[in-house]
Protein backbone atom coordinates (compact mmCIF):
# COMPACT_ATOMS: atom_id res chain seq x y z
CA MET A 1 18.17 -13.46 8.68
CA GLY A 2 16.51 -16.15 10.80
CA SER A 3 13.84 -18.57 9.77
CA PRO A 4 10.22 -17.38 9.75
CA THR A 5 8.31 -17.49 13.00
CA ALA A 6 5.33 -19.76 13.40
CA GLU A 7 3.08 -16.72 13.13
CA GLU A 8 4.70 -15.65 9.85
CA SER A 9 4.50 -19.16 8.40
CA SER A 10 0.77 -19.28 9.07
CA VAL A 11 0.15 -16.19 6.94
CA PRO A 12 -0.38 -16.79 3.20
CA ALA A 13 2.51 -15.79 0.96
CA THR A 14 2.21 -12.34 -0.55
CA ARG A 15 1.54 -13.73 -4.01
CA ARG A 16 -1.44 -15.67 -2.62
CA HIS A 17 -2.83 -12.80 -0.55
CA ARG A 18 -5.81 -11.67 -2.61
CA PRO A 19 -6.38 -8.15 -1.17
CA LEU A 20 -2.68 -7.34 -1.53
CA LEU A 21 -2.65 -8.66 -5.09
CA LEU A 22 -5.57 -6.37 -5.89
CA LEU A 23 -3.76 -3.35 -4.40
CA VAL A 24 -0.49 -4.18 -6.18
CA THR A 25 -2.26 -4.57 -9.52
CA GLU A 26 -4.06 -1.26 -9.02
CA GLN A 27 -0.81 0.51 -8.13
CA LEU A 28 0.81 -0.83 -11.29
CA THR A 29 -2.00 0.22 -13.62
CA SER A 30 -2.56 3.65 -12.05
CA SER A 31 1.19 4.37 -11.96
CA VAL A 32 1.49 3.67 -15.68
CA GLY A 33 -1.55 5.85 -16.39
CA ARG A 34 -0.24 8.77 -14.30
CA GLN A 35 3.16 8.66 -16.00
CA VAL A 36 1.55 8.75 -19.45
CA THR A 37 -0.53 11.76 -18.37
CA ALA A 38 2.49 13.49 -16.80
CA LEU A 39 4.10 13.45 -20.26
CA ALA A 40 0.97 14.03 -22.35
CA LEU A 41 -0.61 16.90 -20.39
CA PRO A 42 2.18 19.49 -20.79
CA LEU A 43 2.68 18.45 -24.43
CA LEU A 44 -1.06 18.94 -24.95
CA ALA A 45 -0.83 22.43 -23.43
CA ILE A 46 2.10 23.25 -25.72
CA ALA A 47 0.44 21.88 -28.85
CA HIS A 48 -3.10 23.22 -28.33
CA LEU A 49 -2.63 26.29 -26.12
CA ARG A 50 0.94 27.35 -27.03
CA ALA A 51 2.10 27.04 -23.42
CA GLY A 52 5.41 28.62 -22.43
CA PRO A 53 7.57 27.93 -19.35
CA LEU A 54 5.16 29.77 -17.04
CA GLY A 55 2.10 27.92 -18.32
CA ALA A 56 3.79 24.52 -18.06
CA SER A 57 5.01 25.27 -14.52
CA ALA A 58 1.57 26.52 -13.45
CA LEU A 59 -0.03 23.36 -14.82
CA LEU A 60 2.35 21.23 -12.76
CA ALA A 61 1.66 23.30 -9.66
CA MET A 62 -2.10 22.87 -10.10
CA ALA A 63 -1.64 19.10 -9.99
CA TYR A 64 0.13 19.33 -6.60
CA LEU A 65 -1.52 22.27 -4.85
CA PRO A 66 -5.00 20.84 -4.12
CA GLY A 67 -3.55 17.79 -2.39
CA VAL A 68 -1.46 20.00 -0.12
CA LEU A 69 -4.28 22.40 0.76
CA LEU A 70 -6.93 19.73 1.24
CA SER A 71 -4.76 17.16 3.04
CA PRO A 72 -6.21 17.86 6.54
CA LEU A 73 -9.78 17.37 5.31
CA ILE A 74 -8.75 14.33 3.26
CA GLY A 75 -7.23 12.75 6.35
CA VAL A 76 -10.39 13.26 8.40
CA ALA A 77 -12.54 11.90 5.57
CA VAL A 78 -10.37 8.77 5.21
CA ASP A 79 -10.52 8.02 8.94
CA ARG A 80 -14.32 8.26 8.91
CA ALA A 81 -15.00 6.78 5.47
CA ARG A 82 -16.10 3.41 4.26
CA LEU A 83 -12.74 2.85 2.64
CA ARG A 84 -13.70 0.47 -0.14
CA ARG A 85 -16.51 2.76 -1.28
CA MET A 86 -14.22 5.79 -1.06
CA LEU A 87 -11.43 4.12 -3.09
CA VAL A 88 -13.88 3.09 -5.82
CA SER A 89 -15.46 6.56 -5.91
CA VAL A 90 -12.23 8.56 -6.19
CA ALA A 91 -10.92 6.20 -8.89
CA TRP A 92 -14.02 6.47 -11.03
CA LEU A 93 -14.38 10.23 -10.50
CA GLN A 94 -11.06 10.54 -12.31
CA LEU A 95 -12.80 9.46 -15.52
CA PRO A 96 -14.73 12.73 -16.09
CA ALA A 97 -11.86 14.81 -14.66
CA ILE A 98 -9.27 13.42 -17.10
CA GLY A 99 -11.59 12.27 -19.87
CA SER A 100 -13.06 15.73 -20.40
CA VAL A 101 -9.70 17.00 -21.66
CA PRO A 102 -9.34 14.84 -24.81
CA LEU A 103 -13.06 15.36 -25.45
CA ALA A 104 -12.65 19.14 -25.37
CA ALA A 105 -9.54 18.92 -27.53
CA ALA A 106 -11.38 16.82 -30.11
CA LEU A 107 -14.13 19.47 -30.23
CA ASP A 108 -11.59 22.32 -30.46
CA GLY A 109 -12.93 23.69 -27.16
CA LEU A 110 -9.93 23.21 -24.87
CA THR A 111 -9.12 26.27 -22.74
CA TRP A 112 -6.65 27.11 -19.98
CA PRO A 113 -9.35 27.23 -17.26
CA HIS A 114 -10.54 23.77 -18.32
CA LEU A 115 -7.00 22.36 -18.27
CA PHE A 116 -6.22 23.91 -14.88
CA ALA A 117 -9.52 22.62 -13.45
CA ALA A 118 -8.86 19.11 -14.75
CA ALA A 119 -5.32 19.10 -13.31
CA ALA A 120 -6.56 20.39 -9.94
CA ALA A 121 -9.45 17.90 -9.71
CA SER A 122 -7.25 14.98 -10.71
CA GLY A 123 -4.57 16.06 -8.24
CA ALA A 124 -7.04 16.26 -5.36
CA LEU A 125 -8.52 12.86 -6.21
CA SER A 126 -5.05 11.30 -6.52
CA SER A 127 -4.12 12.68 -3.12
CA ALA A 128 -7.26 11.24 -1.55
CA GLN A 129 -6.66 7.87 -3.18
CA SER A 130 -3.04 7.74 -2.00
CA VAL A 131 -3.96 8.49 1.63
CA ALA A 132 -6.86 6.02 1.56
CA ALA A 133 -4.71 3.25 0.06
CA GLN A 134 -1.98 3.74 2.70
CA SER A 135 -4.61 3.61 5.44
CA CYS A 136 -6.27 0.57 3.85
CA LEU A 137 -3.15 -1.60 3.80
CA PRO A 138 -2.87 -2.31 7.57
CA ARG A 139 -6.53 -3.39 7.56
CA VAL A 140 -6.04 -6.11 4.93
CA VAL A 141 -2.47 -7.22 5.68
CA PRO A 142 -1.32 -8.63 9.05
CA PRO A 143 1.33 -6.54 10.89
CA GLU A 144 4.06 -9.14 10.30
CA ARG A 145 3.50 -8.82 6.52
CA LEU A 146 3.38 -5.02 6.29
CA LEU A 147 7.06 -4.69 5.37
CA SER A 148 6.88 -7.08 2.41
CA ALA A 149 3.50 -5.63 1.41
CA ASN A 150 4.91 -2.09 1.26
CA SER A 151 7.85 -3.44 -0.77
CA SER A 152 5.43 -5.02 -3.25
CA LEU A 153 3.43 -1.79 -3.63
CA THR A 154 6.61 0.25 -4.12
CA GLY A 155 7.80 -2.26 -6.70
CA ALA A 156 4.55 -1.93 -8.63
CA ARG A 157 4.86 1.86 -8.66
CA THR A 158 8.48 1.57 -9.79
CA VAL A 159 7.48 -0.57 -12.77
CA GLY A 160 4.99 2.16 -13.67
CA LEU A 161 7.67 4.84 -13.37
CA ILE A 162 9.85 2.91 -15.80
CA GLY A 163 7.22 1.72 -18.27
CA GLY A 164 4.80 4.67 -18.17
CA PRO A 165 7.02 7.31 -19.85
CA ALA A 166 8.07 4.82 -22.53
CA LEU A 167 4.43 3.96 -23.29
CA GLY A 168 3.48 7.63 -23.24
CA GLY A 169 6.27 8.58 -25.62
CA LEU A 170 5.25 5.81 -28.03
CA LEU A 171 1.57 6.78 -27.97
CA ILE A 172 2.25 10.48 -28.39
CA SER A 173 4.55 9.76 -31.33
CA LEU A 174 1.70 7.85 -33.00
CA VAL A 175 -1.26 10.07 -32.07
CA ASP A 176 -1.96 13.52 -30.65
CA PRO A 177 -1.22 13.96 -26.90
CA ALA A 178 -4.94 14.28 -26.17
CA PRO A 179 -5.93 10.66 -26.96
CA ALA A 180 -2.98 9.45 -24.89
CA LEU A 181 -4.80 10.72 -21.79
CA LEU A 182 -7.34 7.94 -22.34
CA VAL A 183 -4.71 5.53 -21.01
CA GLU A 184 -5.10 7.05 -17.56
CA CYS A 185 -8.89 6.88 -17.89
CA ALA A 186 -8.62 3.17 -18.66
CA ALA A 187 -6.24 2.71 -15.72
CA TYR A 188 -8.70 4.33 -13.29
CA LEU A 189 -11.59 2.33 -14.72
CA VAL A 190 -9.66 -0.87 -14.01
CA GLY A 191 -8.48 0.47 -10.65
CA GLY A 192 -12.02 1.14 -9.48
CA ALA A 193 -13.01 -2.41 -10.38
CA LEU A 194 -10.02 -3.77 -8.45
CA PHE A 195 -10.93 -1.67 -5.39
CA LEU A 196 -14.50 -2.95 -5.66
CA ALA A 197 -13.16 -6.49 -5.22
CA LEU A 198 -11.49 -5.65 -1.87
CA PRO A 199 -12.98 -7.16 1.31
CA ALA A 200 -16.36 -5.79 2.36
CA SER A 201 -14.97 -5.31 5.88
CA LEU A 202 -13.24 -2.16 4.62
CA ASN A 203 -16.66 -0.52 4.43
CA HIS A 204 -16.72 -0.42 8.23
CA SER A 205 -15.14 2.81 9.44
CA ALA A 206 -11.99 2.51 11.56
CA GLN A 207 -13.54 5.13 13.86
CA GLN A 208 -15.34 3.36 16.68
CA PRO A 209 -18.96 4.47 17.28
CA GLY A 210 -19.22 7.04 20.03
CA SER A 211 -15.46 7.52 20.25
CA GLY A 212 -13.09 10.18 18.99
CA ALA A 213 -13.79 13.67 17.79
CA ARG A 214 -17.29 14.69 16.83
CA SER A 215 -16.60 17.59 14.44
CA ARG A 216 -14.06 18.08 11.67
CA VAL A 217 -12.22 20.69 13.71
CA GLU A 218 -12.01 18.36 16.69
CA ALA A 219 -10.88 15.56 14.39
CA LEU A 220 -8.09 17.73 13.00
CA LYS A 221 -7.00 18.66 16.51
CA GLU A 222 -7.01 15.00 17.49
CA GLY A 223 -4.76 14.09 14.57
CA LEU A 224 -2.36 16.98 15.22
CA ALA A 225 -2.22 16.02 18.91
CA VAL A 226 -0.93 12.59 17.94
CA ILE A 227 1.77 14.12 15.75
CA ARG A 228 2.78 16.54 18.51
CA ARG A 229 2.84 13.76 21.09
CA GLU A 230 4.69 11.16 18.98
CA THR A 231 8.32 12.22 18.51
CA LEU A 232 8.78 9.68 15.75
CA LEU A 233 6.10 11.26 13.55
CA ARG A 234 7.53 14.76 14.00
CA ARG A 235 11.02 13.56 13.16
CA GLN A 236 9.74 11.65 10.15
CA ALA A 237 8.14 14.84 8.84
CA LEU A 238 11.37 16.78 9.45
CA ALA A 239 13.53 14.14 7.76
CA ALA A 240 11.18 13.91 4.78
CA ALA A 241 11.05 17.70 4.46
CA GLY A 242 14.83 17.98 4.51
CA LEU A 243 15.35 15.19 2.00
CA ASN A 244 12.68 16.53 -0.33
CA LEU A 245 13.82 20.15 -0.11
CA GLY A 246 17.38 19.18 -0.94
CA GLY A 247 16.33 16.56 -3.44
CA GLY A 248 13.87 18.95 -5.11
CA ALA A 249 16.57 21.59 -5.54
CA GLY A 250 18.94 19.01 -6.97
CA ALA A 251 16.31 17.56 -9.30
CA GLY A 252 15.27 20.98 -10.56
CA LEU A 253 18.84 21.84 -11.55
CA PHE A 254 20.01 18.38 -12.57
CA VAL A 255 19.47 18.47 -16.33
CA LEU A 256 20.75 22.04 -16.67
CA TYR A 257 23.81 21.16 -14.58
CA ALA A 258 24.53 17.99 -16.56
CA ASP A 259 24.21 19.84 -19.86
CA ARG A 260 25.89 23.18 -19.20
CA GLU A 261 28.36 22.46 -16.42
CA LEU A 262 29.32 18.87 -17.21
CA ALA A 263 28.59 18.74 -20.96
CA LEU A 264 27.19 15.22 -20.74
CA PRO A 265 26.00 13.88 -24.10
CA PRO A 266 22.33 12.83 -24.24
CA TRP A 267 23.09 9.10 -24.16
CA GLN A 268 25.03 9.49 -20.92
CA LEU A 269 22.26 11.57 -19.37
CA GLY A 270 19.76 8.86 -20.31
CA ALA A 271 22.00 6.20 -18.77
CA VAL A 272 22.23 8.26 -15.57
CA TYR A 273 18.45 8.35 -15.27
CA ALA A 274 18.26 4.63 -16.01
CA ALA A 275 20.66 4.03 -13.11
CA TYR A 276 18.11 5.54 -10.73
CA ALA A 277 15.51 3.05 -11.90
CA VAL A 278 18.00 0.22 -11.32
CA GLY A 279 18.77 1.51 -7.82
CA THR A 280 15.09 1.80 -6.99
CA GLY A 281 14.41 -1.71 -8.26
CA VAL A 282 17.22 -3.15 -6.16
CA GLY A 283 15.89 -1.23 -3.15
CA VAL A 284 12.48 -2.82 -3.57
CA LEU A 285 14.02 -6.28 -3.74
CA VAL A 286 16.29 -5.94 -0.69
CA ALA A 287 14.20 -3.68 1.60
CA ALA A 288 12.61 -6.49 3.58
CA SER A 289 15.86 -8.44 3.97
CA VAL A 290 17.87 -5.37 4.98
CA THR A 291 15.25 -4.27 7.50
CA ARG A 292 15.05 -7.70 9.09
CA ALA A 293 18.84 -7.98 9.24
CA LEU A 294 19.58 -4.52 10.67
CA GLY A 295 16.33 -3.87 12.50
CA MET A 296 13.78 -1.28 11.49
CA ALA A 297 15.26 1.55 13.56
CA ARG A 298 18.81 1.12 12.24
CA THR A 299 17.54 0.77 8.67
CA ILE A 300 15.58 4.01 8.90
CA ARG A 301 18.51 5.93 10.41
CA TRP A 302 21.27 4.67 8.15
CA CYS A 303 19.32 4.76 4.88
CA ALA A 304 18.00 8.29 5.49
CA VAL A 305 21.49 9.63 6.22
CA GLY A 306 22.95 7.66 3.33
CA ALA A 307 20.39 9.07 0.89
CA GLY A 308 21.10 12.62 2.09
CA ALA A 309 24.86 12.11 1.86
CA ALA A 310 24.55 10.67 -1.66
CA LEU A 311 23.36 14.09 -2.88
CA PHE A 312 26.91 15.42 -2.38
CA LEU A 313 27.95 13.26 -5.33
CA ILE A 314 26.04 15.61 -7.67
CA PRO A 315 28.33 18.65 -7.13
CA ALA A 316 31.31 16.27 -6.75
CA ALA A 317 30.81 15.31 -10.40
CA SER A 318 32.12 18.76 -11.38
CA LEU A 319 35.55 17.75 -10.01
CA GLY A 320 36.06 15.03 -12.61
CA LEU A 321 34.67 11.77 -14.03
CA PRO A 322 31.14 13.21 -14.16
CA PHE A 323 29.44 10.27 -15.86
CA PRO A 324 30.49 7.47 -13.44
CA VAL A 325 30.02 9.76 -10.42
CA LEU A 326 26.44 10.62 -11.41
CA VAL A 327 25.67 6.97 -12.18
CA LEU A 328 26.94 6.08 -8.70
CA TYR A 329 24.79 8.85 -7.20
CA GLN A 330 21.62 7.62 -8.90
CA LEU A 331 22.28 4.01 -7.90
CA LEU A 332 22.95 4.88 -4.26
CA PHE A 333 20.14 7.41 -3.90
CA GLY A 334 17.59 5.17 -5.62
CA LEU A 335 18.56 2.21 -3.43
CA LEU A 336 18.80 3.99 -0.06
CA ALA A 337 15.80 6.29 -0.49
CA THR A 338 13.61 3.36 -1.51
CA VAL A 339 14.61 1.18 1.45
CA TRP A 340 14.15 4.17 3.79
CA SER A 341 10.70 4.96 2.40
CA ILE A 342 9.48 1.37 2.70
CA ALA A 343 10.80 0.95 6.26
CA MET A 344 9.46 4.32 7.42
CA THR A 345 6.02 3.78 5.89
CA THR A 346 5.81 0.40 7.59
CA GLY A 347 6.92 1.89 10.91
CA ARG A 348 4.33 4.65 10.69
CA GLN A 349 1.59 2.11 10.01
CA LEU A 350 2.70 0.07 13.02
CA VAL A 351 2.82 2.89 15.56
CA THR A 352 -0.23 4.95 14.48
CA PRO A 353 -3.68 3.97 15.82
CA ALA A 354 -5.90 2.71 13.00
CA HIS A 355 -8.55 5.39 13.51
CA LEU A 356 -5.92 8.17 13.13
CA LEU A 357 -3.90 6.72 10.26
CA GLY A 358 -5.69 8.74 7.57
CA ARG A 359 -4.91 12.06 9.25
CA VAL A 360 -1.27 11.14 9.90
CA ASN A 361 -0.77 9.87 6.33
CA ALA A 362 -2.42 13.01 4.91
CA PHE A 363 -0.22 15.35 6.96
CA LEU A 364 3.00 13.59 5.94
CA GLN A 365 1.89 13.38 2.32
CA ALA A 366 1.32 17.15 2.35
CA VAL A 367 4.89 17.63 3.64
CA LEU A 368 6.27 15.36 0.94
CA THR A 369 4.21 16.97 -1.81
CA ALA A 370 4.85 20.60 -0.90
CA THR A 371 8.60 20.47 -0.23
CA VAL A 372 9.67 19.17 -3.65
CA PRO A 373 8.39 22.13 -5.74
CA VAL A 374 9.49 24.56 -3.01
CA GLY A 375 12.99 23.11 -3.12
CA ALA A 376 13.05 23.25 -6.92
CA PHE A 377 11.86 26.88 -7.00
CA VAL A 378 14.24 28.12 -4.27
CA GLY A 379 17.14 26.18 -5.76
CA GLY A 380 16.54 27.67 -9.21
CA TRP A 381 16.25 31.20 -7.78
CA LEU A 382 19.49 30.87 -5.80
CA ALA A 383 21.36 29.24 -8.69
CA SER A 384 20.60 32.25 -10.88
CA ARG A 385 22.46 34.39 -8.34
CA VAL A 386 25.31 32.31 -6.91
CA GLY A 387 25.76 29.52 -9.45
CA ILE A 388 24.60 25.92 -9.74
CA VAL A 389 27.39 24.08 -7.91
CA PRO A 390 27.18 26.06 -4.61
CA VAL A 391 23.41 25.54 -4.56
CA LEU A 392 23.84 21.79 -5.13
CA VAL A 393 26.24 21.64 -2.18
CA GLY A 394 23.76 23.56 -0.01
CA ALA A 395 20.88 21.33 -1.14
CA ALA A 396 22.82 18.22 -0.11
CA ALA A 397 23.59 19.80 3.28
CA VAL A 398 19.88 20.55 3.85
CA ALA A 399 18.94 16.97 2.95
CA LEU A 400 21.60 15.50 5.22
CA ALA A 401 20.60 17.77 8.12
CA GLY A 402 16.96 16.73 7.82
CA ALA A 403 17.86 13.04 7.68
CA SER A 404 20.16 13.40 10.69
CA SER A 405 17.23 14.50 12.86
CA LEU A 406 16.31 10.81 13.12
CA TRP A 407 19.48 10.23 15.16
CA PHE A 408 18.83 12.74 17.94
CA PRO A 409 17.67 11.86 20.52
CA ARG A 410 18.74 8.25 20.12
CA ASP A 411 15.45 6.90 21.46
CA VAL A 412 13.37 8.64 18.77
CA LEU A 413 12.60 5.32 17.05
CA THR A 414 11.84 3.24 20.14
CA GLY A 415 8.14 3.32 19.25
CA ILE A 416 8.91 1.64 15.93
CA GLU A 417 11.18 -0.87 17.64
CA ARG A 418 8.50 -1.85 20.15
CA ALA A 419 5.80 -2.12 17.49
CA ALA A 420 8.04 -4.14 15.17
CA GLU A 421 9.04 -6.44 18.01
CA SER A 422 5.44 -7.09 19.02
CA SER A 423 4.40 -7.85 15.42
CA ARG A 424 7.37 -9.96 14.34
CA GLY A 425 9.19 -11.26 17.34
CA PRO A 426 12.42 -10.27 19.14
CA ALA A 427 14.68 -10.64 16.09
CA VAL A 428 13.39 -7.55 14.31
CA ALA A 429 14.28 -4.59 16.46
């Protein structure tokens, strides 16, 4: 990797970039809070409402479904919104959505409709916050720093994914699951304050006065027209759908497969999951260096295909040495999928016009959100009929096929290459 350009050297280091520090801190706190809630909410349903498998699954679905259904409207709202005000509002609206659950539990008034409504409201608000934060980043970070900025945000979320379940398990072991939900309330309270400290310039809409679509329907059409016109965005959606369908099927069957087919003891299963966290952490650390060394286009292609191919290691574990094979799978998938995600997010931010970024982010987030539970459901249904191993092989094939779409035609990523070259200099692409 070459020395920094004069333009790069003139930009403050990431650790001294105040808006990015605010966003990273918010991602860390909210990620921890969401992971605590992800553990506490189903346990609360089991303890207070005697939830069975159907109830627990429905509760999970209610957390995802609103974001998928409302994503087009969320995208339009983000593109037209005063972003700082919107980020603060959606963060602080989480307080009554989540906080009402432990209050109702303390008063012995918790019901299924209340729990479903809280999960749906929180899911919709989380979706809006995610799209708004992705659209906010290019407005506070220069283009030449987007790659390292996305790495920092992914790293913060990864720390939350590792520390959140541990904190949630400790809290729930000490108190009832209901009070543990107050951790997420505290996280959103802090997050709203951090958003409030972002630059006031974010309260100016990216939509130029007198330009663009005038109605919501026209705005949706405008966003879809960009996705239809830009081959890169279509292929990104296809690759993400394939990886998430295959990955969702594999994830849904993973524990059952490891227990029944491979007879892994619990300590080995725990070590396998820890390997994924290690792989993800390494991916965060090396993403910027790898992308600069290979170029953004090559990084996106190779890492997507590598992540899809790594899924074949799951059924391969049934052939022998299951523990080391699954550890290798988690390390490779965590590393490659993380580098791919960071590079692709950066590329999308570079090639999408600022006033359309909310709609594009919302559409792709809907694809990512919807395909995981669909893959898990279809994979489970098929496994009950043909067996787990054949379904795992098919899931890996679907993931690899989706990732391979980024290779054909070969010029599909030229938009990213041109944008990266203009923002960083000739050495990038």
